[in-house]
Amino acid sequence: MNKINTPYYAVIFTSKLNKKSVGYEEMSQKMYDLAKNQKGFIGFKSVRQELGITISYWKTLHDITSWKNNLEHKKAQNKGINDWYASYEIEICLVERCYSFN
């Protein structure tokens, strides 16, 4: 993710898949492609082993709400609840400071 000015928001999505996750990876890529064109999208990071963690970064809370209510995203959310996830949790955080070492 490119360095951006703070503050901004992070949406932390943690999930556990159930055993029937056919089509999950394709939908995940489709949602990333859709999200990156949403107003206010900054970037994302994602890892999946037993527990999946995806963090998406947004300029404003309004941008997060717009993404949550996007019709294609809503369809993916419903598919996740009905077909893919055993459980999930979403946390929304304000990032006030960010630094790194390369």
PDB file of N, CA and C in Angstrom:
ATOM      1  N   MET A   1       0.851  -1.175   0.000  1.00  0.00           N
ATOM      2  CA  MET A   1       0.000   0.000   0.000  1.00  0.00           C
ATOM      3  C   MET A   1       0.891   1.230   0.000  1.00  0.00           C
ATOM      4  N   ASN A   2       0.573   2.183  -0.821  1.00  0.00           N
ATOM      5  CA  ASN A   2       1.336   3.419  -0.871  1.00  0.00           C
ATOM      6  C   ASN A   2       1.129   4.227   0.396  1.00  0.00           C
ATOM      7  N   LYS A   3       2.127   4.989   0.751  1.00  0.00           N
ATOM      8  CA  LYS A   3       2.048   5.858   1.924  1.00  0.00           C
ATOM      9  C   LYS A   3       0.998   6.937   1.665  1.00  0.00           C
ATOM     10  N   ILE A   4       0.077   7.121   2.614  1.00  0.00           N
ATOM     11  CA  ILE A   4      -0.933   8.169   2.481  1.00  0.00           C
ATOM     12  C   ILE A   4      -0.991   8.958   3.775  1.00  0.00           C
ATOM     13  N   ASN A   5      -1.621  10.098   3.707  1.00  0.00           N
ATOM     14  CA  ASN A   5      -1.743  10.944   4.885  1.00  0.00           C
ATOM     15  C   ASN A   5      -2.768  10.378   5.849  1.00  0.00           C
ATOM     16  N   THR A   6      -2.462  10.443   7.119  1.00  0.00           N
ATOM     17  CA  THR A   6      -3.411  10.045   8.150  1.00  0.00           C
ATOM     18  C   THR A   6      -4.221  11.279   8.538  1.00  0.00           C
ATOM     19  N   PRO A   7      -5.389  11.127   9.130  1.00  0.00           N
ATOM     20  CA  PRO A   7      -6.020   9.853   9.455  1.00  0.00           C
ATOM     21  C   PRO A   7      -6.777   9.260   8.268  1.00  0.00           C
ATOM     22  N   TYR A   8      -7.002   7.954   8.356  1.00  0.00           N
ATOM     23  CA  TYR A   8      -7.832   7.220   7.424  1.00  0.00           C
ATOM     24  C   TYR A   8      -8.404   6.036   8.196  1.00  0.00           C
ATOM     25  N   TYR A   9      -9.206   5.222   7.551  1.00  0.00           N
ATOM     26  CA  TYR A   9      -9.889   4.133   8.237  1.00  0.00           C
ATOM     27  C   TYR A   9      -9.451   2.773   7.711  1.00  0.00           C
ATOM     28  N   ALA A  10      -9.455   1.802   8.614  1.00  0.00           N
ATOM     29  CA  ALA A  10      -9.164   0.412   8.272  1.00  0.00           C
ATOM     30  C   ALA A  10     -10.377  -0.436   8.648  1.00  0.00           C
ATOM     31  N   VAL A  11     -10.791  -1.287   7.723  1.00  0.00           N
ATOM     32  CA  VAL A  11     -11.847  -2.262   7.994  1.00  0.00           C
ATOM     33  C   VAL A  11     -11.153  -3.617   8.074  1.00  0.00           C
ATOM     34  N   ILE A  12     -11.195  -4.221   9.259  1.00  0.00           N
ATOM     35  CA  ILE A  12     -10.540  -5.513   9.489  1.00  0.00           C
ATOM     36  C   ILE A  12     -11.616  -6.595   9.450  1.00  0.00           C
ATOM     37  N   PHE A  13     -11.496  -7.465   8.471  1.00  0.00           N
ATOM     38  CA  PHE A  13     -12.463  -8.542   8.261  1.00  0.00           C
ATOM     39  C   PHE A  13     -11.750  -9.863   8.541  1.00  0.00           C
ATOM     40  N   THR A  14     -12.134 -10.542   9.618  1.00  0.00           N
ATOM     41  CA  THR A  14     -11.563 -11.851   9.933  1.00  0.00           C
ATOM     42  C   THR A  14     -12.656 -12.899   9.715  1.00  0.00           C
ATOM     43  N   SER A  15     -12.249 -14.034   9.156  1.00  0.00           N
ATOM     44  CA  SER A  15     -13.261 -15.048   8.839  1.00  0.00           C
ATOM     45  C   SER A  15     -12.692 -16.455   8.901  1.00  0.00           C
ATOM     46  N   LYS A  16     -13.590 -17.384   9.140  1.00  0.00           N
ATOM     47  CA  LYS A  16     -13.295 -18.811   9.033  1.00  0.00           C
ATOM     48  C   LYS A  16     -14.242 -19.371   7.986  1.00  0.00           C
ATOM     49  N   LEU A  17     -13.676 -20.094   7.030  1.00  0.00           N
ATOM     50  CA  LEU A  17     -14.494 -20.707   5.986  1.00  0.00           C
ATOM     51  C   LEU A  17     -15.075 -22.023   6.471  1.00  0.00           C
ATOM     52  N   ASN A  18     -16.252 -22.361   5.962  1.00  0.00           N
ATOM     53  CA  ASN A  18     -16.761 -23.703   6.192  1.00  0.00           C
ATOM     54  C   ASN A  18     -16.157 -24.619   5.135  1.00  0.00           C
ATOM     55  N   LYS A  19     -16.564 -25.845   5.073  1.00  0.00           N
ATOM     56  CA  LYS A  19     -15.944 -26.810   4.164  1.00  0.00           C
ATOM     57  C   LYS A  19     -16.347 -26.624   2.700  1.00  0.00           C
ATOM     58  N   LYS A  20     -17.462 -25.955   2.440  1.00  0.00           N
ATOM     59  CA  LYS A  20     -17.916 -25.787   1.052  1.00  0.00           C
ATOM     60  C   LYS A  20     -17.625 -24.363   0.558  1.00  0.00           C
ATOM     61  N   SER A  21     -16.402 -24.167   0.120  1.00  0.00           N
ATOM     62  CA  SER A  21     -15.987 -22.822  -0.295  1.00  0.00           C
ATOM     63  C   SER A  21     -15.778 -22.712  -1.809  1.00  0.00           C
ATOM     64  N   VAL A  22     -16.497 -23.507  -2.579  1.00  0.00           N
ATOM     65  CA  VAL A  22     -16.384 -23.481  -4.037  1.00  0.00           C
ATOM     66  C   VAL A  22     -16.782 -22.094  -4.553  1.00  0.00           C
ATOM     67  N   GLY A  23     -15.913 -21.489  -5.341  1.00  0.00           N
ATOM     68  CA  GLY A  23     -16.179 -20.175  -5.911  1.00  0.00           C
ATOM     69  C   GLY A  23     -15.722 -19.010  -5.054  1.00  0.00           C
ATOM     70  N   TYR A  24     -15.227 -19.300  -3.865  1.00  0.00           N
ATOM     71  CA  TYR A  24     -14.839 -18.244  -2.935  1.00  0.00           C
ATOM     72  C   TYR A  24     -13.697 -17.389  -3.478  1.00  0.00           C
ATOM     73  N   GLU A  25     -12.643 -18.008  -3.977  1.00  0.00           N
ATOM     74  CA  GLU A  25     -11.477 -17.262  -4.466  1.00  0.00           C
ATOM     75  C   GLU A  25     -11.855 -16.350  -5.642  1.00  0.00           C
ATOM     76  N   GLU A  26     -12.686 -16.834  -6.527  1.00  0.00           N
ATOM     77  CA  GLU A  26     -13.120 -16.034  -7.665  1.00  0.00           C
ATOM     78  C   GLU A  26     -13.921 -14.822  -7.209  1.00  0.00           C
ATOM     79  N   MET A  27     -14.809 -15.026  -6.237  1.00  0.00           N
ATOM     80  CA  MET A  27     -15.606 -13.915  -5.717  1.00  0.00           C
ATOM     81  C   MET A  27     -14.721 -12.922  -4.978  1.00  0.00           C
ATOM     82  N   SER A  28     -13.749 -13.428  -4.239  1.00  0.00           N
ATOM     83  CA  SER A  28     -12.816 -12.557  -3.528  1.00  0.00           C
ATOM     84  C   SER A  28     -12.097 -11.631  -4.512  1.00  0.00           C
ATOM     85  N   GLN A  29     -11.621 -12.175  -5.623  1.00  0.00           N
ATOM     86  CA  GLN A  29     -10.941 -11.358  -6.638  1.00  0.00           C
ATOM     87  C   GLN A  29     -11.902 -10.353  -7.259  1.00  0.00           C
ATOM     88  N   LYS A  30     -13.124 -10.789  -7.522  1.00  0.00           N
ATOM     89  CA  LYS A  30     -14.137  -9.902  -8.096  1.00  0.00           C
ATOM     90  C   LYS A  30     -14.429  -8.730  -7.158  1.00  0.00           C
ATOM     91  N   MET A  31     -14.505  -9.000  -5.849  1.00  0.00           N
ATOM     92  CA  MET A  31     -14.779  -7.934  -4.881  1.00  0.00           C
ATOM     93  C   MET A  31     -13.606  -6.969  -4.784  1.00  0.00           C
ATOM     94  N   TYR A  32     -12.380  -7.480  -4.866  1.00  0.00           N
ATOM     95  CA  TYR A  32     -11.221  -6.584  -4.866  1.00  0.00           C
ATOM     96  C   TYR A  32     -11.266  -5.680  -6.098  1.00  0.00           C
ATOM     97  N   ASP A  33     -11.525  -6.249  -7.264  1.00  0.00           N
ATOM     98  CA  ASP A  33     -11.591  -5.464  -8.493  1.00  0.00           C
ATOM     99  C   ASP A  33     -12.680  -4.393  -8.411  1.00  0.00           C
ATOM    100  N   LEU A  34     -13.790  -4.722  -7.783  1.00  0.00           N
ATOM    101  CA  LEU A  34     -14.877  -3.770  -7.609  1.00  0.00           C
ATOM    102  C   LEU A  34     -14.512  -2.699  -6.574  1.00  0.00           C
ATOM    103  N   ALA A  35     -13.954  -3.112  -5.444  1.00  0.00           N
ATOM    104  CA  ALA A  35     -13.617  -2.184  -4.362  1.00  0.00           C
ATOM    105  C   ALA A  35     -12.588  -1.151  -4.787  1.00  0.00           C
ATOM    106  N   LYS A  36     -11.590  -1.575  -5.550  1.00  0.00           N
ATOM    107  CA  LYS A  36     -10.518  -0.637  -5.897  1.00  0.00           C
ATOM    108  C   LYS A  36     -11.005   0.509  -6.781  1.00  0.00           C
ATOM    109  N   ASN A  37     -12.207   0.372  -7.346  1.00  0.00           N
ATOM    110  CA  ASN A  37     -12.800   1.449  -8.137  1.00  0.00           C
ATOM    111  C   ASN A  37     -13.838   2.262  -7.353  1.00  0.00           C
ATOM    112  N   GLN A  38     -14.030   1.914  -6.087  1.00  0.00           N
ATOM    113  CA  GLN A  38     -14.970   2.643  -5.235  1.00  0.00           C
ATOM    114  C   GLN A  38     -14.341   3.953  -4.770  1.00  0.00           C
ATOM    115  N   LYS A  39     -15.151   4.982  -4.634  1.00  0.00           N
ATOM    116  CA  LYS A  39     -14.691   6.259  -4.091  1.00  0.00           C
ATOM    117  C   LYS A  39     -14.116   6.024  -2.686  1.00  0.00           C
ATOM    118  N   GLY A  40     -12.941   6.575  -2.431  1.00  0.00           N
ATOM    119  CA  GLY A  40     -12.346   6.520  -1.104  1.00  0.00           C
ATOM    120  C   GLY A  40     -11.505   5.291  -0.819  1.00  0.00           C
ATOM    121  N   PHE A  41     -11.454   4.327  -1.735  1.00  0.00           N
ATOM    122  CA  PHE A  41     -10.641   3.130  -1.518  1.00  0.00           C
ATOM    123  C   PHE A  41      -9.171   3.498  -1.597  1.00  0.00           C
ATOM    124  N   ILE A  42      -8.389   3.027  -0.616  1.00  0.00           N
ATOM    125  CA  ILE A  42      -6.962   3.318  -0.563  1.00  0.00           C
ATOM    126  C   ILE A  42      -6.136   2.074  -0.886  1.00  0.00           C
ATOM    127  N   GLY A  43      -6.531   0.925  -0.362  1.00  0.00           N
ATOM    128  CA  GLY A  43      -5.776  -0.291  -0.605  1.00  0.00           C
ATOM    129  C   GLY A  43      -6.259  -1.421   0.288  1.00  0.00           C
ATOM    130  N   PHE A  44      -5.554  -2.550   0.218  1.00  0.00           N
ATOM    131  CA  PHE A  44      -5.921  -3.673   1.078  1.00  0.00           C
ATOM    132  C   PHE A  44      -4.746  -4.622   1.240  1.00  0.00           C
ATOM    133  N   LYS A  45      -4.857  -5.438   2.301  1.00  0.00           N
ATOM    134  CA  LYS A  45      -3.922  -6.519   2.581  1.00  0.00           C
ATOM    135  C   LYS A  45      -4.771  -7.724   2.968  1.00  0.00           C
ATOM    136  N   SER A  46      -4.317  -8.926   2.568  1.00  0.00           N
ATOM    137  CA  SER A  46      -5.118 -10.106   2.877  1.00  0.00           C
ATOM    138  C   SER A  46      -4.234 -11.340   3.019  1.00  0.00           C
ATOM    139  N   VAL A  47      -4.553 -12.177   3.996  1.00  0.00           N
ATOM    140  CA  VAL A  47      -3.903 -13.469   4.183  1.00  0.00           C
ATOM    141  C   VAL A  47      -4.978 -14.483   4.567  1.00  0.00           C
ATOM    142  N   ARG A  48      -4.759 -15.739   4.176  1.00  0.00           N
ATOM    143  CA  ARG A  48      -5.700 -16.785   4.558  1.00  0.00           C
ATOM    144  C   ARG A  48      -4.954 -18.063   4.841  1.00  0.00           C
ATOM    145  N   GLN A  49      -5.158 -18.566   6.054  1.00  0.00           N
ATOM    146  CA  GLN A  49      -4.749 -19.913   6.405  1.00  0.00           C
ATOM    147  C   GLN A  49      -5.973 -20.520   7.055  1.00  0.00           C
ATOM    148  N   GLU A  50      -5.882 -20.940   8.296  1.00  0.00           N
ATOM    149  CA  GLU A  50      -7.085 -21.401   8.981  1.00  0.00           C
ATOM    150  C   GLU A  50      -8.037 -20.228   9.211  1.00  0.00           C
ATOM    151  N   LEU A  51      -7.463 -19.076   9.537  1.00  0.00           N
ATOM    152  CA  LEU A  51      -8.211 -17.841   9.730  1.00  0.00           C
ATOM    153  C   LEU A  51      -7.841 -16.883   8.610  1.00  0.00           C
ATOM    154  N   GLY A  52      -8.824 -16.266   7.997  1.00  0.00           N
ATOM    155  CA  GLY A  52      -8.563 -15.267   6.964  1.00  0.00           C
ATOM    156  C   GLY A  52      -8.630 -13.880   7.568  1.00  0.00           C
ATOM    157  N   ILE A  53      -7.705 -13.021   7.175  1.00  0.00           N
ATOM    158  CA  ILE A  53      -7.708 -11.636   7.628  1.00  0.00           C
ATOM    159  C   ILE A  53      -7.532 -10.749   6.402  1.00  0.00           C
ATOM    160  N   THR A  54      -8.501  -9.895   6.170  1.00  0.00           N
ATOM    161  CA  THR A  54      -8.419  -8.912   5.097  1.00  0.00           C
ATOM    162  C   THR A  54      -8.621  -7.538   5.721  1.00  0.00           C
ATOM    163  N   ILE A  55      -7.702  -6.638   5.416  1.00  0.00           N
ATOM    164  CA  ILE A  55      -7.809  -5.268   5.897  1.00  0.00           C
ATOM    165  C   ILE A  55      -7.928  -4.367   4.676  1.00  0.00           C
ATOM    166  N   SER A  56      -9.020  -3.636   4.608  1.00  0.00           N
ATOM    167  CA  SER A  56      -9.168  -2.654   3.533  1.00  0.00           C
ATOM    168  C   SER A  56      -9.072  -1.267   4.149  1.00  0.00           C
ATOM    169  N   TYR A  57      -8.550  -0.334   3.363  1.00  0.00           N
ATOM    170  CA  TYR A  57      -8.281   1.014   3.848  1.00  0.00           C
ATOM    171  C   TYR A  57      -9.115   2.012   3.061  1.00  0.00           C
ATOM    172  N   TRP A  58      -9.707   2.968   3.794  1.00  0.00           N
ATOM    173  CA  TRP A  58     -10.663   3.908   3.211  1.00  0.00           C
ATOM    174  C   TRP A  58     -10.425   5.311   3.746  1.00  0.00           C
ATOM    175  N   LYS A  59     -10.776   6.305   2.945  1.00  0.00           N
ATOM    176  CA  LYS A  59     -10.583   7.703   3.340  1.00  0.00           C
ATOM    177  C   LYS A  59     -11.572   8.151   4.411  1.00  0.00           C
ATOM    178  N   THR A  60     -12.849   7.738   4.294  1.00  0.00           N
ATOM    179  CA  THR A  60     -13.877   8.210   5.230  1.00  0.00           C
ATOM    180  C   THR A  60     -14.814   7.077   5.648  1.00  0.00           C
ATOM    181  N   LEU A  61     -15.540   7.313   6.728  1.00  0.00           N
ATOM    182  CA  LEU A  61     -16.570   6.358   7.151  1.00  0.00           C
ATOM    183  C   LEU A  61     -17.688   6.278   6.105  1.00  0.00           C
ATOM    184  N   HIS A  62     -17.992   7.392   5.474  1.00  0.00           N
ATOM    185  CA  HIS A  62     -19.010   7.403   4.425  1.00  0.00           C
ATOM    186  C   HIS A  62     -18.603   6.484   3.276  1.00  0.00           C
ATOM    187  N   ASP A  63     -17.313   6.492   2.899  1.00  0.00           N
ATOM    188  CA  ASP A  63     -16.831   5.608   1.841  1.00  0.00           C
ATOM    189  C   ASP A  63     -17.008   4.135   2.230  1.00  0.00           C
ATOM    190  N   ILE A  64     -16.773   3.821   3.490  1.00  0.00           N
ATOM    191  CA  ILE A  64     -16.950   2.446   3.984  1.00  0.00           C
ATOM    192  C   ILE A  64     -18.420   2.039   3.890  1.00  0.00           C
ATOM    193  N   THR A  65     -19.302   2.935   4.297  1.00  0.00           N
ATOM    194  CA  THR A  65     -20.741   2.648   4.233  1.00  0.00           C
ATOM    195  C   THR A  65     -21.189   2.459   2.787  1.00  0.00           C
ATOM    196  N   SER A  66     -20.679   3.283   1.884  1.00  0.00           N
ATOM    197  CA  SER A  66     -21.031   3.140   0.466  1.00  0.00           C
ATOM    198  C   SER A  66     -20.583   1.787  -0.066  1.00  0.00           C
ATOM    199  N   TRP A  67     -19.383   1.348   0.333  1.00  0.00           N
ATOM    200  CA  TRP A  67     -18.893   0.033  -0.089  1.00  0.00           C
ATOM    201  C   TRP A  67     -19.767  -1.067   0.502  1.00  0.00           C
ATOM    202  N   LYS A  68     -20.091  -0.969   1.775  1.00  0.00           N
ATOM    203  CA  LYS A  68     -20.930  -1.986   2.429  1.00  0.00           C
ATOM    204  C   LYS A  68     -22.268  -2.134   1.709  1.00  0.00           C
ATOM    205  N   ASN A  69     -22.798  -1.020   1.210  1.00  0.00           N
ATOM    206  CA  ASN A  69     -24.118  -1.030   0.577  1.00  0.00           C
ATOM    207  C   ASN A  69     -24.083  -1.202  -0.934  1.00  0.00           C
ATOM    208  N   ASN A  70     -22.913  -1.350  -1.532  1.00  0.00           N
ATOM    209  CA  ASN A  70     -22.799  -1.605  -2.965  1.00  0.00           C
ATOM    210  C   ASN A  70     -23.574  -2.883  -3.303  1.00  0.00           C
ATOM    211  N   LEU A  71     -24.401  -2.852  -4.334  1.00  0.00           N
ATOM    212  CA  LEU A  71     -25.283  -3.982  -4.632  1.00  0.00           C
ATOM    213  C   LEU A  71     -24.530  -5.281  -4.933  1.00  0.00           C
ATOM    214  N   GLU A  72     -23.450  -5.200  -5.704  1.00  0.00           N
ATOM    215  CA  GLU A  72     -22.662  -6.407  -5.987  1.00  0.00           C
ATOM    216  C   GLU A  72     -21.991  -6.927  -4.720  1.00  0.00           C
ATOM    217  N   HIS A  73     -21.526  -6.016  -3.880  1.00  0.00           N
ATOM    218  CA  HIS A  73     -20.916  -6.416  -2.612  1.00  0.00           C
ATOM    219  C   HIS A  73     -21.956  -7.062  -1.700  1.00  0.00           C
ATOM    220  N   LYS A  74     -23.178  -6.515  -1.705  1.00  0.00           N
ATOM    221  CA  LYS A  74     -24.271  -7.097  -0.916  1.00  0.00           C
ATOM    222  C   LYS A  74     -24.540  -8.540  -1.330  1.00  0.00           C
ATOM    223  N   LYS A  75     -24.532  -8.804  -2.647  1.00  0.00           N
ATOM    224  CA  LYS A  75     -24.737 -10.169  -3.138  1.00  0.00           C
ATOM    225  C   LYS A  75     -23.627 -11.090  -2.636  1.00  0.00           C
ATOM    226  N   ALA A  76     -22.394 -10.597  -2.666  1.00  0.00           N
ATOM    227  CA  ALA A  76     -21.258 -11.394  -2.176  1.00  0.00           C
ATOM    228  C   ALA A  76     -21.366 -11.623  -0.668  1.00  0.00           C
ATOM    229  N   GLN A  77     -21.809 -10.607   0.068  1.00  0.00           N
ATOM    230  CA  GLN A  77     -21.998 -10.766   1.514  1.00  0.00           C
ATOM    231  C   GLN A  77     -23.007 -11.873   1.803  1.00  0.00           C
ATOM    232  N   ASN A  78     -24.132 -11.851   1.095  1.00  0.00           N
ATOM    233  CA  ASN A  78     -25.164 -12.875   1.300  1.00  0.00           C
ATOM    234  C   ASN A  78     -24.649 -14.265   0.942  1.00  0.00           C
ATOM    235  N   LYS A  79     -23.898 -14.359  -0.150  1.00  0.00           N
ATOM    236  CA  LYS A  79     -23.314 -15.645  -0.543  1.00  0.00           C
ATOM    237  C   LYS A  79     -22.351 -16.128   0.534  1.00  0.00           C
ATOM    238  N   GLY A  80     -21.557 -15.216   1.087  1.00  0.00           N
ATOM    239  CA  GLY A  80     -20.631 -15.569   2.159  1.00  0.00           C
ATOM    240  C   GLY A  80     -21.355 -16.115   3.377  1.00  0.00           C
ATOM    241  N   ILE A  81     -22.408 -15.440   3.790  1.00  0.00           N
ATOM    242  CA  ILE A  81     -23.179 -15.876   4.959  1.00  0.00           C
ATOM    243  C   ILE A  81     -23.833 -17.229   4.702  1.00  0.00           C
ATOM    244  N   ASN A  82     -24.415 -17.397   3.513  1.00  0.00           N
ATOM    245  CA  ASN A  82     -25.162 -18.619   3.210  1.00  0.00           C
ATOM    246  C   ASN A  82     -24.305 -19.803   2.785  1.00  0.00           C
ATOM    247  N   ASP A  83     -23.130 -19.532   2.160  1.00  0.00           N
ATOM    248  CA  ASP A  83     -22.370 -20.629   1.558  1.00  0.00           C
ATOM    249  C   ASP A  83     -20.947 -20.813   2.078  1.00  0.00           C
ATOM    250  N   TRP A  84     -20.252 -19.740   2.433  1.00  0.00           N
ATOM    251  CA  TRP A  84     -18.810 -19.859   2.638  1.00  0.00           C
ATOM    252  C   TRP A  84     -18.318 -19.732   4.072  1.00  0.00           C
ATOM    253  N   TYR A  85     -18.915 -18.869   4.866  1.00  0.00           N
ATOM    254  CA  TYR A  85     -18.341 -18.580   6.174  1.00  0.00           C
ATOM    255  C   TYR A  85     -18.947 -19.409   7.299  1.00  0.00           C
ATOM    256  N   ALA A  86     -18.067 -19.972   8.128  1.00  0.00           N
ATOM    257  CA  ALA A  86     -18.496 -20.574   9.386  1.00  0.00           C
ATOM    258  C   ALA A  86     -18.688 -19.456  10.410  1.00  0.00           C
ATOM    259  N   SER A  87     -17.845 -18.410  10.299  1.00  0.00           N
ATOM    260  CA  SER A  87     -17.955 -17.245  11.171  1.00  0.00           C
ATOM    261  C   SER A  87     -17.159 -16.098  10.572  1.00  0.00           C
ATOM    262  N   TYR A  88     -17.492 -14.879  10.984  1.00  0.00           N
ATOM    263  CA  TYR A  88     -16.687 -13.716  10.609  1.00  0.00           C
ATOM    264  C   TYR A  88     -16.890 -12.595  11.618  1.00  0.00           C
ATOM    265  N   GLU A  89     -15.972 -11.636  11.583  1.00  0.00           N
ATOM    266  CA  GLU A  89     -16.036 -10.454  12.440  1.00  0.00           C
ATOM    267  C   GLU A  89     -15.503  -9.276  11.648  1.00  0.00           C
ATOM    268  N   ILE A  90     -16.115  -8.114  11.832  1.00  0.00           N
ATOM    269  CA  ILE A  90     -15.669  -6.889  11.169  1.00  0.00           C
ATOM    270  C   ILE A  90     -15.400  -5.842  12.239  1.00  0.00           C
ATOM    271  N   GLU A  91     -14.232  -5.210  12.120  1.00  0.00           N
ATOM    272  CA  GLU A  91     -13.859  -4.110  13.002  1.00  0.00           C
ATOM    273  C   GLU A  91     -13.497  -2.920  12.119  1.00  0.00           C
ATOM    274  N   ILE A  92     -13.940  -1.730  12.524  1.00  0.00           N
ATOM    275  CA  ILE A  92     -13.615  -0.509  11.790  1.00  0.00           C
ATOM    276  C   ILE A  92     -12.807   0.384  12.714  1.00  0.00           C
ATOM    277  N   CYS A  93     -11.621   0.768  12.241  1.00  0.00           N
ATOM    278  CA  CYS A  93     -10.666   1.493  13.077  1.00  0.00           C
ATOM    279  C   CYS A  93     -10.201   2.772  12.394  1.00  0.00           C
ATOM    280  N   LEU A  94      -9.948   3.787  13.193  1.00  0.00           N
ATOM    281  CA  LEU A  94      -9.339   5.019  12.705  1.00  0.00           C
ATOM    282  C   LEU A  94      -7.825   4.870  12.817  1.00  0.00           C
ATOM    283  N   VAL A  95      -7.121   5.055  11.720  1.00  0.00           N
ATOM    284  CA  VAL A  95      -5.657   4.996  11.719  1.00  0.00           C
ATOM    285  C   VAL A  95      -5.156   6.428  11.876  1.00  0.00           C
ATOM    286  N   GLU A  96      -4.525   6.696  12.989  1.00  0.00           N
ATOM    287  CA  GLU A  96      -4.041   8.040  13.267  1.00  0.00           C
ATOM    288  C   GLU A  96      -2.565   8.218  12.936  1.00  0.00           C
ATOM    289  N   ARG A  97      -1.859   7.091  12.905  1.00  0.00           N
ATOM    290  CA  ARG A  97      -0.430   7.133  12.630  1.00  0.00           C
ATOM    291  C   ARG A  97      -0.046   5.851  11.927  1.00  0.00           C
ATOM    292  N   CYS A  98       0.907   5.958  11.009  1.00  0.00           N
ATOM    293  CA  CYS A  98       1.388   4.781  10.293  1.00  0.00           C
ATOM    294  C   CYS A  98       2.860   4.970   9.987  1.00  0.00           C
ATOM    295  N   TYR A  99       3.651   3.945  10.246  1.00  0.00           N
ATOM    296  CA  TYR A  99       5.065   3.972   9.886  1.00  0.00           C
ATOM    297  C   TYR A  99       5.512   2.581   9.572  1.00  0.00           C
ATOM    298  N   SER A 100       6.628   2.442   8.858  1.00  0.00           N
ATOM    299  CA  SER A 100       7.101   1.119   8.447  1.00  0.00           C
ATOM    300  C   SER A 100       8.597   1.106   8.312  1.00  0.00           C
ATOM    301  N   PHE A 101       9.138  -0.081   8.134  1.00  0.00           N
ATOM    302  CA  PHE A 101      10.546  -0.304   7.891  1.00  0.00           C
ATOM    303  C   PHE A 101      10.667  -1.209   6.691  1.00  0.00           C
ATOM    304  N   ASN A 102      11.490  -0.881   5.738  1.00  0.00           N
ATOM    305  CA  ASN A 102      11.688  -1.725   4.564  1.00  0.00           C
ATOM    306  C   ASN A 102      13.106  -2.222   4.537  1.00  0.00           C
TER     307      ASN A 102
END
